[in-house]
Amino acid sequence: MRRTMNVKGFLVLLGVVLAVFLILFLVLRGQRGAVVSREEALRLKLVEMEEENRILTERMSEVGTQNYIVSNALDVYSYMLKDDIRFEFTNPEALNAYTPEEWQILTEEWQSMSADGVL
C-alpha cells in the first residue's frame, strides 16, 4: 500500500516553513538596514579622514620652509617680527648647558659689564 501525505499535514508543514522563512527574512532585512547605515557612517568618516589627511600632508610639506618658521614664530610664539633675522635651535638641550650657579655668575657679569658701559 502506498502511503501519501494528506493535505492537512502538507499545509501545516508548508505554514511552518513559510513562517521560518518569513522570520529569517525580517531578521536579515533588519540586519541589512543596520549594515547599510553603518556603511554610510563609515563612508562619511572616510571622507573626513581623507580631508584631514590632505590638510596634514599640505602642512607637512610646509614644515621647515622659511615661510612656515616665520609664520609659526609670529603667530604661535610671537618670537620675532617680519624683518627680524631667523635662527633655529638644532640642539635645544644646549640652552640648559649652565647650572643655576653658573647662570647666576654669568648674569652678574653681564650686569656689571652693562653698568660699566661695556655692553
PDB file of N, CA and C in Angstrom:
ATOM      1  N   MET A   1       0.812  -1.158   0.000  1.00  0.00           N
ATOM      2  CA  MET A   1       0.000   0.000   0.000  1.00  0.00           C
ATOM      3  C   MET A   1       0.878   1.252   0.000  1.00  0.00           C
ATOM      4  N   ARG A   2       0.552   2.150  -0.865  1.00  0.00           N
ATOM      5  CA  ARG A   2       1.290   3.410  -0.954  1.00  0.00           C
ATOM      6  C   ARG A   2       0.776   4.390   0.065  1.00  0.00           C
ATOM      7  N   ARG A   3       1.713   5.002   0.672  1.00  0.00           N
ATOM      8  CA  ARG A   3       1.333   5.996   1.660  1.00  0.00           C
ATOM      9  C   ARG A   3       1.550   7.387   1.061  1.00  0.00           C
ATOM     10  N   THR A   4       0.644   8.231   1.191  1.00  0.00           N
ATOM     11  CA  THR A   4       0.770   9.611   0.704  1.00  0.00           C
ATOM     12  C   THR A   4       0.470  10.547   1.854  1.00  0.00           C
ATOM     13  N   MET A   5       0.959  11.724   1.731  1.00  0.00           N
ATOM     14  CA  MET A   5       0.733  12.718   2.772  1.00  0.00           C
ATOM     15  C   MET A   5      -0.644  13.327   2.549  1.00  0.00           C
ATOM     16  N   ASN A   6      -1.328  13.524   3.614  1.00  0.00           N
ATOM     17  CA  ASN A   6      -2.641  14.138   3.452  1.00  0.00           C
ATOM     18  C   ASN A   6      -2.485  15.643   3.301  1.00  0.00           C
ATOM     19  N   VAL A   7      -3.480  16.295   2.848  1.00  0.00           N
ATOM     20  CA  VAL A   7      -3.461  17.719   2.536  1.00  0.00           C
ATOM     21  C   VAL A   7      -3.280  18.558   3.803  1.00  0.00           C
ATOM     22  N   LYS A   8      -3.900  18.140   4.866  1.00  0.00           N
ATOM     23  CA  LYS A   8      -3.814  18.891   6.110  1.00  0.00           C
ATOM     24  C   LYS A   8      -2.376  18.902   6.631  1.00  0.00           C
ATOM     25  N   GLY A   9      -1.693  17.818   6.631  1.00  0.00           N
ATOM     26  CA  GLY A   9      -0.308  17.740   7.072  1.00  0.00           C
ATOM     27  C   GLY A   9       0.613  18.562   6.180  1.00  0.00           C
ATOM     28  N   PHE A  10       0.322  18.499   4.870  1.00  0.00           N
ATOM     29  CA  PHE A  10       1.121  19.282   3.924  1.00  0.00           C
ATOM     30  C   PHE A  10       0.982  20.777   4.176  1.00  0.00           C
ATOM     31  N   LEU A  11      -0.244  21.230   4.426  1.00  0.00           N
ATOM     32  CA  LEU A  11      -0.477  22.655   4.675  1.00  0.00           C
ATOM     33  C   LEU A  11       0.184  23.113   5.981  1.00  0.00           C
ATOM     34  N   VAL A  12       0.159  22.255   7.009  1.00  0.00           N
ATOM     35  CA  VAL A  12       0.812  22.606   8.272  1.00  0.00           C
ATOM     36  C   VAL A  12       2.326  22.718   8.056  1.00  0.00           C
ATOM     37  N   LEU A  13       2.906  21.778   7.352  1.00  0.00           N
ATOM     38  CA  LEU A  13       4.336  21.807   7.058  1.00  0.00           C
ATOM     39  C   LEU A  13       4.687  23.028   6.213  1.00  0.00           C
ATOM     40  N   LEU A  14       3.891  23.322   5.236  1.00  0.00           N
ATOM     41  CA  LEU A  14       4.098  24.496   4.398  1.00  0.00           C
ATOM     42  C   LEU A  14       4.005  25.782   5.226  1.00  0.00           C
ATOM     43  N   GLY A  15       3.050  25.854   6.136  1.00  0.00           N
ATOM     44  CA  GLY A  15       2.906  27.031   7.008  1.00  0.00           C
ATOM     45  C   GLY A  15       4.118  27.217   7.911  1.00  0.00           C
ATOM     46  N   VAL A  16       4.644  26.118   8.482  1.00  0.00           N
ATOM     47  CA  VAL A  16       5.824  26.205   9.348  1.00  0.00           C
ATOM     48  C   VAL A  16       7.030  26.675   8.544  1.00  0.00           C
ATOM     49  N   VAL A  17       7.220  26.126   7.357  1.00  0.00           N
ATOM     50  CA  VAL A  17       8.348  26.517   6.513  1.00  0.00           C
ATOM     51  C   VAL A  17       8.238  27.997   6.131  1.00  0.00           C
ATOM     52  N   LEU A  18       7.049  28.435   5.744  1.00  0.00           N
ATOM     53  CA  LEU A  18       6.861  29.843   5.385  1.00  0.00           C
ATOM     54  C   LEU A  18       7.097  30.765   6.592  1.00  0.00           C
ATOM     55  N   ALA A  19       6.649  30.346   7.761  1.00  0.00           N
ATOM     56  CA  ALA A  19       6.855  31.149   8.968  1.00  0.00           C
ATOM     57  C   ALA A  19       8.355  31.284   9.266  1.00  0.00           C
ATOM     58  N   VAL A  20       9.096  30.184   9.128  1.00  0.00           N
ATOM     59  CA  VAL A  20      10.549  30.228   9.366  1.00  0.00           C
ATOM     60  C   VAL A  20      11.213  31.153   8.361  1.00  0.00           C
ATOM     61  N   PHE A  21      10.858  31.029   7.096  1.00  0.00           N
ATOM     62  CA  PHE A  21      11.431  31.899   6.075  1.00  0.00           C
ATOM     63  C   PHE A  21      11.064  33.359   6.306  1.00  0.00           C
ATOM     64  N   LEU A  22       9.861  33.633   6.706  1.00  0.00           N
ATOM     65  CA  LEU A  22       9.427  34.999   6.974  1.00  0.00           C
ATOM     66  C   LEU A  22      10.226  35.593   8.143  1.00  0.00           C
ATOM     67  N   ILE A  23      10.397  34.815   9.196  1.00  0.00           N
ATOM     68  CA  ILE A  23      11.161  35.290  10.351  1.00  0.00           C
ATOM     69  C   ILE A  23      12.613  35.569   9.949  1.00  0.00           C
ATOM     70  N   LEU A  24      13.215  34.641   9.220  1.00  0.00           N
ATOM     71  CA  LEU A  24      14.594  34.842   8.767  1.00  0.00           C
ATOM     72  C   LEU A  24      14.707  36.052   7.842  1.00  0.00           C
ATOM     73  N   PHE A  25      13.719  36.223   6.973  1.00  0.00           N
ATOM     74  CA  PHE A  25      13.717  37.369   6.069  1.00  0.00           C
ATOM     75  C   PHE A  25      13.675  38.679   6.853  1.00  0.00           C
ATOM     76  N   LEU A  26      12.810  38.777   7.848  1.00  0.00           N
ATOM     77  CA  LEU A  26      12.691  40.003   8.639  1.00  0.00           C
ATOM     78  C   LEU A  26      13.957  40.268   9.447  1.00  0.00           C
ATOM     79  N   VAL A  27      14.535  39.224  10.013  1.00  0.00           N
ATOM     80  CA  VAL A  27      15.774  39.395  10.785  1.00  0.00           C
ATOM     81  C   VAL A  27      16.897  39.875   9.879  1.00  0.00           C
ATOM     82  N   LEU A  28      17.049  39.244   8.722  1.00  0.00           N
ATOM     83  CA  LEU A  28      18.113  39.628   7.805  1.00  0.00           C
ATOM     84  C   LEU A  28      17.891  41.022   7.234  1.00  0.00           C
ATOM     85  N   ARG A  29      16.646  41.395   7.008  1.00  0.00           N
ATOM     86  CA  ARG A  29      16.350  42.734   6.494  1.00  0.00           C
ATOM     87  C   ARG A  29      16.726  43.793   7.552  1.00  0.00           C
ATOM     88  N   GLY A  30      16.450  43.511   8.811  1.00  0.00           N
ATOM     89  CA  GLY A  30      16.840  44.429   9.876  1.00  0.00           C
ATOM     90  C   GLY A  30      18.350  44.547   9.992  1.00  0.00           C
ATOM     91  N   GLN A  31      19.028  43.426   9.865  1.00  0.00           N
ATOM     92  CA  GLN A  31      20.489  43.447   9.923  1.00  0.00           C
ATOM     93  C   GLN A  31      21.066  44.197   8.726  1.00  0.00           C
ATOM     94  N   ARG A  32      20.433  44.035   7.575  1.00  0.00           N
ATOM     95  CA  ARG A  32      20.905  44.735   6.379  1.00  0.00           C
ATOM     96  C   ARG A  32      20.763  46.241   6.560  1.00  0.00           C
ATOM     97  N   GLY A  33      19.661  46.669   7.155  1.00  0.00           N
ATOM     98  CA  GLY A  33      19.485  48.096   7.405  1.00  0.00           C
ATOM     99  C   GLY A  33      20.561  48.640   8.331  1.00  0.00           C
ATOM    100  N   ALA A  34      20.909  47.884   9.354  1.00  0.00           N
ATOM    101  CA  ALA A  34      21.966  48.308  10.272  1.00  0.00           C
ATOM    102  C   ALA A  34      23.308  48.363   9.550  1.00  0.00           C
ATOM    103  N   VAL A  35      23.560  47.384   8.684  1.00  0.00           N
ATOM    104  CA  VAL A  35      24.823  47.351   7.946  1.00  0.00           C
ATOM    105  C   VAL A  35      24.896  48.527   6.977  1.00  0.00           C
ATOM    106  N   VAL A  36      23.797  48.839   6.323  1.00  0.00           N
ATOM    107  CA  VAL A  36      23.784  49.953   5.379  1.00  0.00           C
ATOM    108  C   VAL A  36      24.029  51.276   6.102  1.00  0.00           C
ATOM    109  N   SER A  37      23.382  51.472   7.239  1.00  0.00           N
ATOM    110  CA  SER A  37      23.598  52.715   7.980  1.00  0.00           C
ATOM    111  C   SER A  37      25.033  52.792   8.511  1.00  0.00           C
ATOM    112  N   ARG A  38      25.584  51.685   8.944  1.00  0.00           N
ATOM    113  CA  ARG A  38      26.978  51.651   9.412  1.00  0.00           C
ATOM    114  C   ARG A  38      27.936  51.948   8.259  1.00  0.00           C
ATOM    115  N   GLU A  39      27.625  51.395   7.084  1.00  0.00           N
ATOM    116  CA  GLU A  39      28.458  51.656   5.917  1.00  0.00           C
ATOM    117  C   GLU A  39      28.430  53.134   5.552  1.00  0.00           C
ATOM    118  N   GLU A  40      27.276  53.761   5.616  1.00  0.00           N
ATOM    119  CA  GLU A  40      27.164  55.186   5.310  1.00  0.00           C
ATOM    120  C   GLU A  40      27.962  56.024   6.318  1.00  0.00           C
ATOM    121  N   ALA A  41      27.882  55.654   7.600  1.00  0.00           N
ATOM    122  CA  ALA A  41      28.649  56.366   8.625  1.00  0.00           C
ATOM    123  C   ALA A  41      30.154  56.214   8.375  1.00  0.00           C
ATOM    124  N   LEU A  42      30.567  55.012   7.970  1.00  0.00           N
ATOM    125  CA  LEU A  42      31.986  54.787   7.692  1.00  0.00           C
ATOM    126  C   LEU A  42      32.439  55.548   6.446  1.00  0.00           C
ATOM    127  N   ARG A  43      31.563  55.660   5.455  1.00  0.00           N
ATOM    128  CA  ARG A  43      31.907  56.445   4.258  1.00  0.00           C
ATOM    129  C   ARG A  43      32.113  57.917   4.626  1.00  0.00           C
ATOM    130  N   LEU A  44      31.227  58.454   5.461  1.00  0.00           N
ATOM    131  CA  LEU A  44      31.375  59.841   5.898  1.00  0.00           C
ATOM    132  C   LEU A  44      32.665  60.028   6.693  1.00  0.00           C
ATOM    133  N   LYS A  45      32.973  59.072   7.554  1.00  0.00           N
ATOM    134  CA  LYS A  45      34.202  59.131   8.338  1.00  0.00           C
ATOM    135  C   LYS A  45      35.428  59.064   7.423  1.00  0.00           C
ATOM    136  N   LEU A  46      35.347  58.240   6.382  1.00  0.00           N
ATOM    137  CA  LEU A  46      36.439  58.132   5.420  1.00  0.00           C
ATOM    138  C   LEU A  46      36.669  59.463   4.718  1.00  0.00           C
ATOM    139  N   VAL A  47      35.592  60.131   4.309  1.00  0.00           N
ATOM    140  CA  VAL A  47      35.720  61.432   3.651  1.00  0.00           C
ATOM    141  C   VAL A  47      36.364  62.443   4.592  1.00  0.00           C
ATOM    142  N   GLU A  48      35.936  62.449   5.854  1.00  0.00           N
ATOM    143  CA  GLU A  48      36.525  63.356   6.838  1.00  0.00           C
ATOM    144  C   GLU A  48      38.009  63.068   7.032  1.00  0.00           C
ATOM    145  N   MET A  49      38.350  61.791   7.134  1.00  0.00           N
ATOM    146  CA  MET A  49      39.745  61.426   7.365  1.00  0.00           C
ATOM    147  C   MET A  49      40.614  61.737   6.146  1.00  0.00           C
ATOM    148  N   GLU A  50      40.071  61.567   4.934  1.00  0.00           N
ATOM    149  CA  GLU A  50      40.826  61.911   3.736  1.00  0.00           C
ATOM    150  C   GLU A  50      41.082  63.410   3.679  1.00  0.00           C
ATOM    151  N   GLU A  51      40.103  64.210   4.068  1.00  0.00           N
ATOM    152  CA  GLU A  51      40.276  65.662   4.091  1.00  0.00           C
ATOM    153  C   GLU A  51      41.322  66.052   5.133  1.00  0.00           C
ATOM    154  N   GLU A  52      41.241  65.438   6.307  1.00  0.00           N
ATOM    155  CA  GLU A  52      42.228  65.709   7.355  1.00  0.00           C
ATOM    156  C   GLU A  52      43.618  65.288   6.896  1.00  0.00           C
ATOM    157  N   ASN A  53      43.718  64.153   6.210  1.00  0.00           N
ATOM    158  CA  ASN A  53      44.997  63.684   5.689  1.00  0.00           C
ATOM    159  C   ASN A  53      45.553  64.666   4.657  1.00  0.00           C
ATOM    160  N   ARG A  54      44.685  65.192   3.811  1.00  0.00           N
ATOM    161  CA  ARG A  54      45.118  66.160   2.802  1.00  0.00           C
ATOM    162  C   ARG A  54      45.667  67.417   3.474  1.00  0.00           C
ATOM    163  N   ILE A  55      44.964  67.905   4.503  1.00  0.00           N
ATOM    164  CA  ILE A  55      45.401  69.108   5.209  1.00  0.00           C
ATOM    165  C   ILE A  55      46.737  68.862   5.902  1.00  0.00           C
ATOM    166  N   LEU A  56      46.861  67.705   6.564  1.00  0.00           N
ATOM    167  CA  LEU A  56      48.113  67.391   7.259  1.00  0.00           C
ATOM    168  C   LEU A  56      49.272  67.202   6.289  1.00  0.00           C
ATOM    169  N   THR A  57      48.996  66.635   5.121  1.00  0.00           N
ATOM    170  CA  THR A  57      50.039  66.464   4.114  1.00  0.00           C
ATOM    171  C   THR A  57      50.519  67.819   3.618  1.00  0.00           C
ATOM    172  N   GLU A  58      49.581  68.740   3.402  1.00  0.00           N
ATOM    173  CA  GLU A  58      49.964  70.096   2.993  1.00  0.00           C
ATOM    174  C   GLU A  58      50.810  70.760   4.079  1.00  0.00           C
ATOM    175  N   ARG A  59      50.413  70.596   5.337  1.00  0.00           N
ATOM    176  CA  ARG A  59      51.176  71.200   6.432  1.00  0.00           C
ATOM    177  C   ARG A  59      52.568  70.589   6.526  1.00  0.00           C
ATOM    178  N   MET A  60      52.669  69.275   6.301  1.00  0.00           N
ATOM    179  CA  MET A  60      53.984  68.628   6.370  1.00  0.00           C
ATOM    180  C   MET A  60      54.902  69.132   5.270  1.00  0.00           C
ATOM    181  N   SER A  61      54.344  69.427   4.093  1.00  0.00           N
ATOM    182  CA  SER A  61      55.185  69.935   3.014  1.00  0.00           C
ATOM    183  C   SER A  61      55.663  71.350   3.309  1.00  0.00           C
ATOM    184  N   GLU A  62      54.939  72.088   4.162  1.00  0.00           N
ATOM    185  CA  GLU A  62      55.330  73.447   4.521  1.00  0.00           C
ATOM    186  C   GLU A  62      56.320  73.485   5.683  1.00  0.00           C
ATOM    187  N   VAL A  63      56.343  72.451   6.512  1.00  0.00           N
ATOM    188  CA  VAL A  63      57.195  72.458   7.704  1.00  0.00           C
ATOM    189  C   VAL A  63      58.660  72.555   7.293  1.00  0.00           C
ATOM    190  N   GLY A  64      59.375  73.437   7.972  1.00  0.00           N
ATOM    191  CA  GLY A  64      60.789  73.611   7.701  1.00  0.00           C
ATOM    192  C   GLY A  64      61.100  74.676   6.682  1.00  0.00           C
ATOM    193  N   THR A  65      60.105  75.153   5.963  1.00  0.00           N
ATOM    194  CA  THR A  65      60.350  76.217   4.998  1.00  0.00           C
ATOM    195  C   THR A  65      60.463  77.545   5.727  1.00  0.00           C
ATOM    196  N   GLN A  66      61.028  78.493   5.038  1.00  0.00           N
ATOM    197  CA  GLN A  66      61.212  79.832   5.613  1.00  0.00           C
ATOM    198  C   GLN A  66      59.859  80.423   6.034  1.00  0.00           C
ATOM    199  N   ASN A  67      58.869  80.335   5.191  1.00  0.00           N
ATOM    200  CA  ASN A  67      57.557  80.909   5.500  1.00  0.00           C
ATOM    201  C   ASN A  67      56.918  80.243   6.711  1.00  0.00           C
ATOM    202  N   TYR A  68      57.055  78.931   6.819  1.00  0.00           N
ATOM    203  CA  TYR A  68      56.473  78.215   7.959  1.00  0.00           C
ATOM    204  C   TYR A  68      57.117  78.650   9.267  1.00  0.00           C
ATOM    205  N   ILE A  69      58.436  78.731   9.280  1.00  0.00           N
ATOM    206  CA  ILE A  69      59.133  79.093  10.511  1.00  0.00           C
ATOM    207  C   ILE A  69      58.787  80.517  10.922  1.00  0.00           C
ATOM    208  N   VAL A  70      58.757  81.416   9.960  1.00  0.00           N
ATOM    209  CA  VAL A  70      58.443  82.810  10.271  1.00  0.00           C
ATOM    210  C   VAL A  70      57.006  82.934  10.746  1.00  0.00           C
ATOM    211  N   SER A  71      56.070  82.287  10.045  1.00  0.00           N
ATOM    212  CA  SER A  71      54.666  82.418  10.450  1.00  0.00           C
ATOM    213  C   SER A  71      54.419  81.758  11.797  1.00  0.00           C
ATOM    214  N   ASN A  72      55.072  80.639  12.070  1.00  0.00           N
ATOM    215  CA  ASN A  72      54.930  79.994  13.377  1.00  0.00           C
ATOM    216  C   ASN A  72      55.508  80.872  14.477  1.00  0.00           C
ATOM    217  N   ALA A  73      56.670  81.446  14.220  1.00  0.00           N
ATOM    218  CA  ALA A  73      57.291  82.300  15.223  1.00  0.00           C
ATOM    219  C   ALA A  73      56.428  83.530  15.493  1.00  0.00           C
ATOM    220  N   LEU A  74      55.831  84.084  14.445  1.00  0.00           N
ATOM    221  CA  LEU A  74      54.974  85.260  14.617  1.00  0.00           C
ATOM    222  C   LEU A  74      53.644  84.916  15.264  1.00  0.00           C
ATOM    223  N   ASP A  75      52.969  83.926  14.720  1.00  0.00           N
ATOM    224  CA  ASP A  75      51.599  83.631  15.138  1.00  0.00           C
ATOM    225  C   ASP A  75      51.534  82.873  16.459  1.00  0.00           C
ATOM    226  N   VAL A  76      52.313  81.827  16.571  1.00  0.00           N
ATOM    227  CA  VAL A  76      52.182  80.947  17.722  1.00  0.00           C
ATOM    228  C   VAL A  76      53.015  81.443  18.900  1.00  0.00           C
ATOM    229  N   TYR A  77      54.271  81.791  18.634  1.00  0.00           N
ATOM    230  CA  TYR A  77      55.185  82.086  19.730  1.00  0.00           C
ATOM    231  C   TYR A  77      55.469  83.573  19.924  1.00  0.00           C
ATOM    232  N   SER A  78      55.161  84.400  18.932  1.00  0.00           N
ATOM    233  CA  SER A  78      55.441  85.844  18.970  1.00  0.00           C
ATOM    234  C   SER A  78      56.910  86.111  19.291  1.00  0.00           C
ATOM    235  N   TYR A  79      57.788  85.339  18.675  1.00  0.00           N
ATOM    236  CA  TYR A  79      59.210  85.487  18.951  1.00  0.00           C
ATOM    237  C   TYR A  79      59.886  86.557  18.106  1.00  0.00           C
ATOM    238  N   MET A  80      59.380  86.806  16.929  1.00  0.00           N
ATOM    239  CA  MET A  80      60.093  87.703  16.047  1.00  0.00           C
ATOM    240  C   MET A  80      59.123  88.474  15.173  1.00  0.00           C
ATOM    241  N   LEU A  81      59.630  89.518  14.586  1.00  0.00           N
ATOM    242  CA  LEU A  81      58.846  90.301  13.649  1.00  0.00           C
ATOM    243  C   LEU A  81      59.199  89.892  12.235  1.00  0.00           C
ATOM    244  N   LYS A  82      58.480  90.434  11.268  1.00  0.00           N
ATOM    245  CA  LYS A  82      58.675  90.036   9.869  1.00  0.00           C
ATOM    246  C   LYS A  82      60.114  90.230   9.389  1.00  0.00           C
ATOM    247  N   ASP A  83      60.739  91.349   9.747  1.00  0.00           N
ATOM    248  CA  ASP A  83      62.066  91.657   9.214  1.00  0.00           C
ATOM    249  C   ASP A  83      63.208  91.194  10.111  1.00  0.00           C
ATOM    250  N   ASP A  84      62.910  90.498  11.181  1.00  0.00           N
ATOM    251  CA  ASP A  84      63.968  90.020  12.070  1.00  0.00           C
ATOM    252  C   ASP A  84      64.744  88.877  11.416  1.00  0.00           C
ATOM    253  N   ILE A  85      65.954  88.693  11.889  1.00  0.00           N
ATOM    254  CA  ILE A  85      66.791  87.604  11.378  1.00  0.00           C
ATOM    255  C   ILE A  85      66.372  86.310  12.067  1.00  0.00           C
ATOM    256  N   ARG A  86      66.235  85.278  11.272  1.00  0.00           N
ATOM    257  CA  ARG A  86      65.763  83.995  11.784  1.00  0.00           C
ATOM    258  C   ARG A  86      66.931  83.099  12.123  1.00  0.00           C
ATOM    259  N   PHE A  87      66.813  82.386  13.248  1.00  0.00           N
ATOM    260  CA  PHE A  87      67.762  81.326  13.567  1.00  0.00           C
ATOM    261  C   PHE A  87      66.996  80.216  14.264  1.00  0.00           C
ATOM    262  N   GLU A  88      67.524  79.001  14.122  1.00  0.00           N
ATOM    263  CA  GLU A  88      66.860  77.834  14.673  1.00  0.00           C
ATOM    264  C   GLU A  88      67.805  77.119  15.637  1.00  0.00           C
ATOM    265  N   PHE A  89      67.216  76.537  16.679  1.00  0.00           N
ATOM    266  CA  PHE A  89      67.986  75.717  17.601  1.00  0.00           C
ATOM    267  C   PHE A  89      67.906  74.275  17.122  1.00  0.00           C
ATOM    268  N   THR A  90      69.027  73.751  16.681  1.00  0.00           N
ATOM    269  CA  THR A  90      69.036  72.351  16.281  1.00  0.00           C
ATOM    270  C   THR A  90      69.282  71.447  17.478  1.00  0.00           C
ATOM    271  N   ASN A  91      69.806  72.045  18.562  1.00  0.00           N
ATOM    272  CA  ASN A  91      70.073  71.290  19.774  1.00  0.00           C
ATOM    273  C   ASN A  91      69.554  72.103  20.963  1.00  0.00           C
ATOM    274  N   PRO A  92      68.246  72.065  21.247  1.00  0.00           N
ATOM    275  CA  PRO A  92      67.703  72.898  22.314  1.00  0.00           C
ATOM    276  C   PRO A  92      68.216  72.516  23.703  1.00  0.00           C
ATOM    277  N   GLU A  93      68.756  71.310  23.852  1.00  0.00           N
ATOM    278  CA  GLU A  93      69.300  70.917  25.142  1.00  0.00           C
ATOM    279  C   GLU A  93      70.514  71.771  25.507  1.00  0.00           C
ATOM    280  N   ALA A  94      71.175  72.333  24.498  1.00  0.00           N
ATOM    281  CA  ALA A  94      72.357  73.160  24.751  1.00  0.00           C
ATOM    282  C   ALA A  94      71.980  74.442  25.488  1.00  0.00           C
ATOM    283  N   LEU A  95      70.744  74.854  25.416  1.00  0.00           N
ATOM    284  CA  LEU A  95      70.319  76.053  26.140  1.00  0.00           C
ATOM    285  C   LEU A  95      70.395  75.852  27.645  1.00  0.00           C
ATOM    286  N   ASN A  96      70.311  74.618  28.084  1.00  0.00           N
ATOM    287  CA  ASN A  96      70.381  74.302  29.511  1.00  0.00           C
ATOM    288  C   ASN A  96      71.775  73.831  29.914  1.00  0.00           C
ATOM    289  N   ALA A  97      72.805  74.339  29.220  1.00  0.00           N
ATOM    290  CA  ALA A  97      74.169  73.874  29.472  1.00  0.00           C
ATOM    291  C   ALA A  97      74.720  74.404  30.791  1.00  0.00           C
ATOM    292  N   TYR A  98      74.186  75.514  31.282  1.00  0.00           N
ATOM    293  CA  TYR A  98      74.694  76.108  32.521  1.00  0.00           C
ATOM    294  C   TYR A  98      73.900  75.598  33.717  1.00  0.00           C
ATOM    295  N   THR A  99      74.601  75.394  34.798  1.00  0.00           N
ATOM    296  CA  THR A  99      73.926  75.081  36.057  1.00  0.00           C
ATOM    297  C   THR A  99      73.363  76.385  36.611  1.00  0.00           C
ATOM    298  N   PRO A 100      72.439  76.344  37.559  1.00  0.00           N
ATOM    299  CA  PRO A 100      71.895  77.597  38.116  1.00  0.00           C
ATOM    300  C   PRO A 100      72.976  78.496  38.723  1.00  0.00           C
ATOM    301  N   GLU A 101      73.989  77.915  39.329  1.00  0.00           N
ATOM    302  CA  GLU A 101      75.059  78.709  39.908  1.00  0.00           C
ATOM    303  C   GLU A 101      75.874  79.409  38.816  1.00  0.00           C
ATOM    304  N   GLU A 102      76.202  78.655  37.743  1.00  0.00           N
ATOM    305  CA  GLU A 102      76.939  79.243  36.623  1.00  0.00           C
ATOM    306  C   GLU A 102      76.113  80.328  35.949  1.00  0.00           C
ATOM    307  N   TRP A 103      74.835  80.092  35.838  1.00  0.00           N
ATOM    308  CA  TRP A 103      73.952  81.078  35.217  1.00  0.00           C
ATOM    309  C   TRP A 103      73.905  82.355  36.060  1.00  0.00           C
ATOM    310  N   GLN A 104      73.896  82.234  37.364  1.00  0.00           N
ATOM    311  CA  GLN A 104      73.898  83.391  38.259  1.00  0.00           C
ATOM    312  C   GLN A 104      75.184  84.202  38.084  1.00  0.00           C
ATOM    313  N   ILE A 105      76.315  83.520  38.017  1.00  0.00           N
ATOM    314  CA  ILE A 105      77.606  84.194  37.820  1.00  0.00           C
ATOM    315  C   ILE A 105      77.618  84.919  36.479  1.00  0.00           C
ATOM    316  N   LEU A 106      77.120  84.246  35.442  1.00  0.00           N
ATOM    317  CA  LEU A 106      77.097  84.839  34.107  1.00  0.00           C
ATOM    318  C   LEU A 106      76.210  86.078  34.065  1.00  0.00           C
ATOM    319  N   THR A 107      75.050  86.033  34.655  1.00  0.00           N
ATOM    320  CA  THR A 107      74.158  87.203  34.644  1.00  0.00           C
ATOM    321  C   THR A 107      74.756  88.350  35.466  1.00  0.00           C
ATOM    322  N   GLU A 108      75.441  88.027  36.556  1.00  0.00           N
ATOM    323  CA  GLU A 108      76.100  89.088  37.331  1.00  0.00           C
ATOM    324  C   GLU A 108      77.208  89.754  36.514  1.00  0.00           C
ATOM    325  N   GLU A 109      77.959  88.970  35.744  1.00  0.00           N
ATOM    326  CA  GLU A 109      78.995  89.535  34.877  1.00  0.00           C
ATOM    327  C   GLU A 109      78.379  90.436  33.819  1.00  0.00           C
ATOM    328  N   TRP A 110      77.265  90.007  33.207  1.00  0.00           N
ATOM    329  CA  TRP A 110      76.590  90.822  32.192  1.00  0.00           C
ATOM    330  C   TRP A 110      76.089  92.130  32.802  1.00  0.00           C
ATOM    331  N   GLN A 111      75.534  92.037  34.004  1.00  0.00           N
ATOM    332  CA  GLN A 111      75.030  93.251  34.651  1.00  0.00           C
ATOM    333  C   GLN A 111      76.166  94.217  34.975  1.00  0.00           C
ATOM    334  N   SER A 112      77.278  93.674  35.437  1.00  0.00           N
ATOM    335  CA  SER A 112      78.402  94.557  35.762  1.00  0.00           C
ATOM    336  C   SER A 112      78.990  95.167  34.478  1.00  0.00           C
ATOM    337  N   MET A 113      78.998  94.391  33.379  1.00  0.00           N
ATOM    338  CA  MET A 113      79.505  94.923  32.125  1.00  0.00           C
ATOM    339  C   MET A 113      78.578  96.003  31.583  1.00  0.00           C
ATOM    340  N   SER A 114      77.272  95.802  31.717  1.00  0.00           N
ATOM    341  CA  SER A 114      76.340  96.811  31.212  1.00  0.00           C
ATOM    342  C   SER A 114      76.377  98.055  32.098  1.00  0.00           C
ATOM    343  N   ALA A 115      76.642  97.884  33.399  1.00  0.00           N
ATOM    344  CA  ALA A 115      76.753  99.049  34.302  1.00  0.00           C
ATOM    345  C   ALA A 115      78.027  99.824  34.012  1.00  0.00           C
ATOM    346  N   ASP A 116      79.086  99.139  33.580  1.00  0.00           N
ATOM    347  CA  ASP A 116      80.349  99.802  33.242  1.00  0.00           C
ATOM    348  C   ASP A 116      80.304 100.437  31.867  1.00  0.00           C
ATOM    349  N   GLY A 117      79.257 100.145  31.109  1.00  0.00           N
ATOM    350  CA  GLY A 117      79.130 100.710  29.764  1.00  0.00           C
ATOM    351  C   GLY A 117      79.838  99.902  28.708  1.00  0.00           C
ATOM    352  N   VAL A 118      80.272  98.704  29.018  1.00  0.00           N
ATOM    353  CA  VAL A 118      80.964  97.859  28.052  1.00  0.00           C
ATOM    354  C   VAL A 118      79.984  97.323  27.022  1.00  0.00           C
ATOM    355  N   LEU A 119      78.795  96.968  27.441  1.00  0.00           N
ATOM    356  CA  LEU A 119      77.798  96.430  26.506  1.00  0.00           C
ATOM    357  C   LEU A 119      76.997  97.505  25.866  1.00  0.00           C
TER     358      LEU A 119
END
